[in-house]
Amino acid sequence: MKAKEFDQKFDNGEDILKYLELTKARRVEQEQKRVNVDFPIWMIHSLDKEAKRLGIPRQSLIKMLIAKHIEQARA
C-alpha cells in the first residue's frame, strides 16, 4: 500500500491497525532507563507518607514530582 492510500484511510477514519507492524513499535522518548538515586532517610519517610496518602507507590510519586518540576521550569 502506498503512503498516500494509507493516509487517506486514516483521514477517512478507517481502521488502519491491520496495516501496521506493532510488534516492534515503541514510543519515542518513552523508553525506561534505570537510575539510582540516594535520598536521606528523612526524605524517604516523607516520600512514603505522601505516597501512602495518595495511594501510589513511592517511585510513581518521585516521577510525578520530578515531571511537575520540569514542566514548571520550562514555563
Protein backbone atom coordinates (compact mmCIF):
# COMPACT_ATOMS: atom_id res chain seq x y z
CA MET A 1 0.00 0.00 0.00
CA LYS A 2 1.30 3.43 -0.86
CA ALA A 3 1.62 6.12 1.79
CA LYS A 4 -0.99 8.30 0.09
CA GLU A 5 -3.57 5.49 0.23
CA PHE A 6 -2.68 4.76 3.86
CA ASP A 7 -3.05 8.46 4.75
CA GLN A 8 -6.41 8.58 3.00
CA LYS A 9 -7.69 5.61 5.01
CA PHE A 10 -6.52 7.28 8.22
CA ASP A 11 -8.11 10.60 7.24
CA ASN A 12 -11.39 8.80 6.50
CA GLY A 13 -11.38 7.28 9.98
CA GLU A 14 -10.86 3.74 8.75
CA ASP A 15 -9.16 1.14 10.95
CA ILE A 16 -5.52 1.15 9.87
CA LEU A 17 -4.16 -1.15 12.59
CA LYS A 18 -4.25 -4.16 10.29
CA TYR A 19 -1.70 -2.38 8.07
CA LEU A 20 0.77 -1.75 10.89
CA GLU A 21 3.51 -3.99 12.29
CA LEU A 22 3.15 -3.32 16.02
CA THR A 23 5.45 -6.00 17.43
CA LYS A 24 8.45 -3.67 17.23
CA ALA A 25 6.62 -0.42 17.83
CA ARG A 26 7.94 1.90 20.53
CA ARG A 27 7.10 5.32 21.85
CA VAL A 28 9.86 7.80 21.13
CA GLU A 29 11.46 9.27 24.25
CA GLN A 30 9.37 6.92 26.42
CA GLU A 31 11.90 4.12 26.89
CA GLN A 32 12.72 3.39 30.51
CA LYS A 33 16.23 3.76 31.92
CA ARG A 34 17.00 2.71 35.45
CA VAL A 35 18.86 5.21 37.61
CA ASN A 36 19.90 5.00 41.23
CA VAL A 37 19.36 7.98 43.50
CA ASP A 38 20.35 8.18 47.14
CA PHE A 39 17.94 10.04 49.41
CA PRO A 40 18.36 10.90 53.08
CA ILE A 41 16.20 8.81 55.41
CA TRP A 42 14.02 11.77 56.39
CA MET A 43 13.18 12.33 52.72
CA ILE A 44 12.30 8.66 52.21
CA HIS A 45 9.94 8.86 55.19
CA SER A 46 8.32 12.00 53.78
CA LEU A 47 8.01 10.45 50.32
CA ASP A 48 6.48 7.28 51.76
CA LYS A 49 3.99 9.27 53.83
CA GLU A 50 2.88 11.32 50.81
CA ALA A 51 2.77 8.25 48.55
CA LYS A 52 0.58 6.45 51.08
CA ARG A 53 -1.71 9.49 51.33
CA LEU A 54 -2.11 9.49 47.54
CA GLY A 55 -2.36 5.71 47.32
CA ILE A 56 0.52 5.36 44.87
CA PRO A 57 3.95 3.73 45.02
CA ARG A 58 6.95 5.81 46.09
CA GLN A 59 8.51 5.51 42.62
CA SER A 60 5.38 6.93 40.99
CA LEU A 61 5.39 9.86 43.40
CA ILE A 62 9.04 10.62 42.66
CA LYS A 63 8.36 10.54 38.90
CA MET A 64 5.33 12.79 39.36
CA LEU A 65 7.25 15.33 41.43
CA ILE A 66 10.18 15.44 39.03
CA ALA A 67 7.88 15.77 35.99
CA LYS A 68 5.97 18.59 37.69
CA HIS A 69 9.20 20.41 38.50
CA ILE A 70 10.47 20.05 34.91
CA GLU A 71 7.17 21.36 33.50
CA GLN A 72 7.25 24.36 35.83
CA ALA A 73 10.87 25.09 34.98
CA ARG A 74 10.03 25.10 31.26
CA ALA A 75 7.17 27.57 31.75
